[in-house]
Amino acid sequence: RDSDNDNPDGVLWQSFDFPTDTLLPEMKLGWDVKTGFNRFICSWKSPDDPSSGDFFFKIETRGFPEIFLWNRDSRLYRSGPWNGIRFSGVPEMQPFDYMVFNFTASKEEVTYSFRVTKKNYYSRLSLSSSGLLQRFTWIETVQNWNLFWYAPKDQCDEYKECGVYSYCDSNTSPVCNCIKGFTPRNPQAWGLRDGSDGCVRKTQLSCEGGDGFVQLKKMKLPDTTASSVDRGIGVKECEQKCLRDCNCTAFANTDIRGGGS
């Protein structure tokens, strides 16, 4: 800040806007919509070289916002969209007494942050030089940082591991599974454990009434960058709206705090 300027808008640079490889409590990750400024975390080049590395963790604002882990120009992992409590692809983000997660999507900003509510409790979110996103918590009794959560965790965390109309389950073999009513698009590749081509319908939609939906619980929502969002209607109205549009193939609740999953 200029020493002669007490205006809070007169700040030239502040460290919390440039989190490098670590997000601390009450730091914001994401966009200032008015200025176009984007805060993101970037890995070190190596464990001993703090210059900018190849990995980035950034919020994507298109469609229904979610956070992506990038290796240069390639997407490696995504958080899933915010459901009012946590990111749908991060079940470890269940509410805690000592930590509060916050996601804001407004005309002013699209940001994620967290804050600690317990004295002598410390937490940080870091991106390693090898591209691993890690949350650490400080254990006072042993005076050491404990690994609380990390991603990508397994094959199902990899971006687009399974194609359209399929889901990934690390407890099955192969990990890619077609949704009920669908069959592998490429059975030969599917048998070789390559599910990237996804699945196709066994029976085409009539689009003349009689169609319905299969409920999928505890799922990470598909990539939502191309989705449309209407926060002014409820789930039942959303279902009816989707049924009236033959191009609409699925719907989900954007906020599960009032129920739903």
Protein backbone atom coordinates (compact mmCIF):
# COMPACT_ATOMS: atom_id res chain seq x y z
CA ARG A 1 0.00 0.00 0.00
CA ASP A 2 1.10 3.59 -0.65
CA SER A 3 2.19 4.98 2.74
CA ASP A 4 0.12 8.14 2.15
CA ASN A 5 -3.03 6.29 1.13
CA ASP A 6 -5.42 4.96 3.81
CA ASN A 7 -8.10 3.98 1.29
CA PRO A 8 -8.69 0.19 1.52
CA ASP A 9 -9.10 0.15 -2.27
CA GLY A 10 -5.62 1.60 -2.63
CA VAL A 11 -3.85 -1.69 -1.90
CA LEU A 12 -1.39 -2.50 -4.69
CA TRP A 13 -0.61 -6.07 -3.63
CA GLN A 14 -1.60 -8.40 -0.81
CA SER A 15 -0.37 -11.91 -0.13
CA PHE A 16 -3.83 -13.47 0.36
CA ASP A 17 -4.59 -12.75 -3.33
CA PHE A 18 -1.60 -14.88 -4.37
CA PRO A 19 -1.78 -18.15 -2.42
CA THR A 20 1.09 -19.87 -4.35
CA ASP A 21 0.85 -23.60 -3.52
CA THR A 22 -1.14 -23.31 -0.27
CA LEU A 23 -4.60 -22.06 0.71
CA LEU A 24 -4.82 -20.88 4.32
CA PRO A 25 -7.97 -20.26 6.41
CA GLU A 26 -10.07 -17.35 5.07
CA MET A 27 -8.03 -17.11 1.87
CA LYS A 28 -10.30 -17.09 -1.18
CA LEU A 29 -9.87 -19.39 -4.15
CA GLY A 30 -11.66 -18.17 -7.28
CA TRP A 31 -12.90 -15.15 -9.16
CA ASP A 32 -13.56 -11.51 -8.45
CA VAL A 33 -16.26 -11.12 -11.10
CA LYS A 34 -16.06 -7.32 -11.25
CA THR A 35 -12.31 -7.12 -11.88
CA GLY A 36 -11.82 -10.49 -13.56
CA PHE A 37 -9.08 -11.36 -11.07
CA ASN A 38 -8.64 -15.10 -10.53
CA ARG A 39 -7.05 -16.54 -7.39
CA PHE A 40 -5.74 -20.09 -7.72
CA ILE A 41 -3.07 -22.32 -6.25
CA CYS A 42 -0.07 -23.46 -8.27
CA SER A 43 2.39 -26.20 -7.41
CA TRP A 44 6.11 -25.73 -6.93
CA LYS A 45 8.39 -26.85 -9.76
CA SER A 46 9.91 -29.44 -7.44
CA PRO A 47 10.06 -30.04 -3.66
CA ASP A 48 13.18 -27.84 -3.57
CA ASP A 49 12.24 -25.30 -6.27
CA PRO A 50 9.44 -22.83 -5.37
CA SER A 51 9.10 -21.46 -8.90
CA SER A 52 5.76 -22.15 -10.64
CA GLY A 53 5.20 -25.79 -11.51
CA ASP A 54 2.89 -27.59 -13.93
CA PHE A 55 -0.16 -28.13 -11.71
CA PHE A 56 -2.99 -25.68 -10.97
CA PHE A 57 -6.19 -25.84 -8.91
CA LYS A 58 -8.75 -23.39 -10.34
CA ILE A 59 -12.48 -22.67 -10.20
CA GLU A 60 -14.31 -23.03 -13.52
CA THR A 61 -17.29 -20.66 -13.65
CA ARG A 62 -19.01 -21.93 -16.79
CA GLY A 63 -22.31 -23.72 -16.19
CA PHE A 64 -22.52 -24.82 -12.56
CA PRO A 65 -19.11 -23.94 -11.01
CA GLU A 66 -16.68 -26.57 -9.78
CA ILE A 67 -12.93 -26.73 -9.17
CA PHE A 68 -10.49 -28.45 -11.52
CA LEU A 69 -6.96 -29.73 -11.03
CA TRP A 70 -4.90 -29.08 -14.17
CA ASN A 71 -1.60 -30.36 -15.49
CA ARG A 72 -0.77 -27.46 -17.81
CA ASP A 73 -3.65 -27.67 -20.36
CA SER A 74 -5.02 -31.07 -19.32
CA ARG A 75 -7.69 -31.62 -16.68
CA LEU A 76 -6.75 -34.28 -14.14
CA TYR A 77 -9.46 -34.08 -11.48
CA ARG A 78 -12.59 -32.16 -10.57
CA SER A 79 -14.30 -31.53 -7.25
CA GLY A 80 -17.85 -31.84 -8.50
CA PRO A 81 -20.21 -28.86 -7.96
CA TRP A 82 -21.07 -27.35 -4.57
CA ASN A 83 -24.30 -28.85 -3.16
CA GLY A 84 -24.86 -26.39 -0.33
CA ILE A 85 -22.77 -28.39 2.15
CA ARG A 86 -19.73 -29.62 0.26
CA PHE A 87 -18.41 -30.39 -3.20
CA SER A 88 -20.28 -33.46 -4.43
CA GLY A 89 -17.05 -35.33 -5.27
CA VAL A 90 -15.43 -34.75 -1.87
CA PRO A 91 -17.36 -36.72 0.79
CA GLU A 92 -14.61 -35.92 3.33
CA MET A 93 -15.92 -32.33 3.39
CA GLN A 94 -18.79 -33.22 5.72
CA PRO A 95 -19.41 -30.41 8.25
CA PHE A 96 -17.06 -30.30 11.25
CA ASP A 97 -17.39 -28.50 14.57
CA TYR A 98 -13.96 -26.94 14.13
CA MET A 99 -13.96 -26.09 10.43
CA VAL A 100 -16.46 -24.31 8.16
CA PHE A 101 -16.37 -24.57 4.37
CA ASN A 102 -17.86 -21.80 2.26
CA PHE A 103 -18.66 -21.46 -1.43
CA THR A 104 -20.02 -18.20 -2.82
CA ALA A 105 -21.48 -17.76 -6.31
CA SER A 106 -22.81 -14.24 -6.83
CA LYS A 107 -22.58 -11.29 -9.21
CA GLU A 108 -19.53 -10.09 -7.26
CA GLU A 109 -17.54 -13.30 -6.79
CA VAL A 110 -17.31 -17.04 -7.33
CA THR A 111 -15.05 -18.27 -4.53
CA TYR A 112 -14.26 -21.11 -2.16
CA SER A 113 -12.78 -20.62 1.30
CA PHE A 114 -12.64 -22.25 4.71
CA ARG A 115 -12.21 -21.03 8.24
CA VAL A 116 -11.24 -22.63 11.52
CA THR A 117 -13.53 -22.13 14.52
CA LYS A 118 -11.51 -23.93 17.21
CA LYS A 119 -8.65 -22.30 19.07
CA ASN A 120 -5.21 -23.84 18.51
CA TYR A 121 -6.50 -25.75 15.49
CA TYR A 122 -4.70 -25.28 12.18
CA SER A 123 -5.41 -26.51 8.66
CA ARG A 124 -4.06 -25.84 5.18
CA LEU A 125 -4.83 -26.99 1.63
CA SER A 126 -1.71 -27.55 -0.48
CA LEU A 127 -0.86 -28.64 -4.02
CA SER A 128 2.32 -30.73 -4.21
CA SER A 129 4.91 -30.55 -6.99
CA SER A 130 3.69 -33.98 -8.17
CA GLY A 131 0.10 -32.77 -8.59
CA LEU A 132 -1.44 -34.11 -5.39
CA LEU A 133 -4.01 -31.92 -3.65
CA GLN A 134 -3.65 -32.38 0.11
CA ARG A 135 -5.36 -31.07 3.24
CA PHE A 136 -3.19 -31.11 6.35
CA THR A 137 -4.21 -30.54 9.96
CA TRP A 138 -1.83 -29.75 12.80
CA ILE A 139 -1.70 -32.30 15.63
CA GLU A 140 -0.63 -30.41 18.72
CA THR A 141 0.22 -33.48 20.82
CA VAL A 142 2.82 -34.74 18.35
CA GLN A 143 3.75 -31.35 16.88
CA ASN A 144 3.26 -32.52 13.32
CA TRP A 145 1.09 -31.98 10.23
CA ASN A 146 -1.32 -34.88 9.65
CA LEU A 147 -2.61 -35.73 6.16
CA PHE A 148 -6.40 -35.36 6.49
CA TRP A 149 -7.47 -35.78 2.86
CA TYR A 150 -5.95 -35.93 -0.62
CA ALA A 151 -6.97 -36.11 -4.28
CA PRO A 152 -6.81 -37.61 -6.82
CA LYS A 153 -7.29 -40.67 -4.62
CA ASP A 154 -7.91 -43.56 -7.02
CA GLN A 155 -8.79 -44.43 -10.61
CA CYS A 156 -12.31 -43.05 -10.22
CA ASP A 157 -10.91 -39.61 -9.36
CA GLU A 158 -9.26 -39.35 -12.77
CA TYR A 159 -11.01 -36.88 -15.07
CA LYS A 160 -13.36 -38.58 -17.57
CA GLU A 161 -12.24 -42.08 -16.54
CA CYS A 162 -15.68 -43.34 -17.62
CA GLY A 163 -17.64 -42.01 -20.58
CA VAL A 164 -21.22 -40.79 -21.00
CA TYR A 165 -24.11 -42.60 -19.29
CA SER A 166 -21.75 -44.54 -17.06
CA TYR A 167 -20.39 -44.18 -13.54
CA CYS A 168 -17.16 -45.18 -11.83
CA ASP A 169 -17.01 -47.50 -8.81
CA SER A 170 -13.55 -48.43 -7.54
CA ASN A 171 -15.05 -51.52 -5.84
CA THR A 172 -16.05 -53.14 -9.15
CA SER A 173 -14.03 -54.62 -12.00
CA PRO A 174 -14.03 -52.95 -14.42
CA VAL A 175 -14.49 -49.71 -12.51
CA CYS A 176 -16.78 -48.27 -15.20
CA ASN A 177 -20.43 -49.34 -15.04
CA CYS A 178 -23.32 -48.50 -17.34
CA ILE A 179 -26.35 -46.82 -15.81
CA LYS A 180 -29.46 -49.02 -15.71
CA GLY A 181 -31.01 -49.14 -19.19
CA PHE A 182 -27.68 -48.60 -21.00
CA THR A 183 -25.06 -50.87 -22.53
CA PRO A 184 -21.37 -50.30 -23.44
CA ARG A 185 -20.88 -48.36 -26.65
CA ASN A 186 -17.69 -50.29 -27.40
CA PRO A 187 -17.96 -53.77 -25.80
CA GLN A 188 -14.48 -54.78 -26.94
CA ALA A 189 -12.79 -51.77 -25.35
CA TRP A 190 -15.02 -52.18 -22.28
CA GLY A 191 -13.79 -55.75 -21.87
CA LEU A 192 -10.22 -54.42 -21.98
CA ARG A 193 -11.03 -52.08 -19.06
CA ASP A 194 -11.38 -48.95 -21.23
CA GLY A 195 -14.70 -47.30 -20.43
CA SER A 196 -13.95 -43.91 -21.99
CA ASP A 197 -16.45 -44.47 -24.84
CA GLY A 198 -19.26 -44.72 -22.31
CA CYS A 199 -22.64 -46.34 -22.86
CA VAL A 200 -25.67 -46.08 -25.15
CA ARG A 201 -29.38 -46.55 -24.53
CA LYS A 202 -30.86 -50.00 -24.96
CA THR A 203 -34.19 -48.35 -25.85
CA GLN A 204 -34.49 -44.86 -27.31
CA LEU A 205 -36.60 -42.20 -25.59
CA SER A 206 -40.09 -41.74 -26.98
CA CYS A 207 -40.27 -38.04 -26.01
CA GLU A 208 -44.04 -38.42 -26.16
CA GLY A 209 -44.73 -39.21 -22.52
CA GLY A 210 -44.08 -42.32 -20.52
CA ASP A 211 -40.38 -41.59 -19.99
CA GLY A 212 -38.97 -41.40 -16.47
CA PHE A 213 -35.77 -41.24 -14.46
CA VAL A 214 -33.59 -43.69 -12.56
CA GLN A 215 -32.51 -42.30 -9.19
CA LEU A 216 -28.77 -42.49 -8.52
CA LYS A 217 -27.80 -41.82 -4.91
CA LYS A 218 -24.50 -40.69 -3.40
CA MET A 219 -23.04 -39.91 -6.81
CA LYS A 220 -20.54 -37.29 -7.87
CA LEU A 221 -22.42 -35.25 -10.46
CA PRO A 222 -21.10 -35.32 -14.04
CA ASP A 223 -19.06 -32.40 -15.37
CA THR A 224 -21.40 -29.43 -14.92
CA THR A 225 -19.59 -26.82 -17.05
CA ALA A 226 -22.21 -27.28 -19.80
CA SER A 227 -25.22 -27.58 -17.50
CA SER A 228 -28.03 -25.08 -16.98
CA VAL A 229 -29.06 -23.96 -13.51
CA ASP A 230 -32.42 -22.61 -12.31
CA ARG A 231 -32.32 -21.78 -8.60
CA GLY A 232 -35.87 -20.46 -8.68
CA ILE A 233 -37.59 -23.85 -8.88
CA GLY A 234 -37.71 -26.95 -6.70
CA VAL A 235 -36.73 -30.52 -7.50
CA LYS A 236 -40.23 -31.65 -8.54
CA GLU A 237 -40.66 -28.71 -10.89
CA CYS A 238 -37.17 -29.34 -12.24
CA GLU A 239 -38.11 -32.95 -12.98
CA GLN A 240 -41.23 -31.90 -14.90
CA LYS A 241 -39.27 -29.26 -16.80
CA CYS A 242 -36.69 -31.87 -17.79
CA LEU A 243 -39.37 -34.33 -18.92
CA ARG A 244 -40.81 -31.70 -21.26
CA ASP A 245 -37.42 -31.20 -22.94
CA CYS A 246 -36.17 -34.19 -24.93
CA ASN A 247 -32.64 -32.77 -24.84
CA CYS A 248 -32.67 -32.91 -21.03
CA THR A 249 -31.43 -36.30 -19.87
CA ALA A 250 -30.91 -35.80 -16.11
CA PHE A 251 -31.53 -33.37 -13.26
CA ALA A 252 -30.18 -32.84 -9.75
CA ASN A 253 -30.73 -30.68 -6.70
CA THR A 254 -28.28 -27.76 -6.52
CA ASP A 255 -28.69 -27.40 -2.75
CA ILE A 256 -29.26 -30.44 -0.52
CA ARG A 257 -29.50 -28.54 2.77
CA GLY A 258 -33.29 -28.83 2.67
CA GLY A 259 -33.14 -32.54 1.83
CA GLY A 260 -32.18 -34.55 -1.21
CA SER A 261 -28.88 -35.93 -2.35
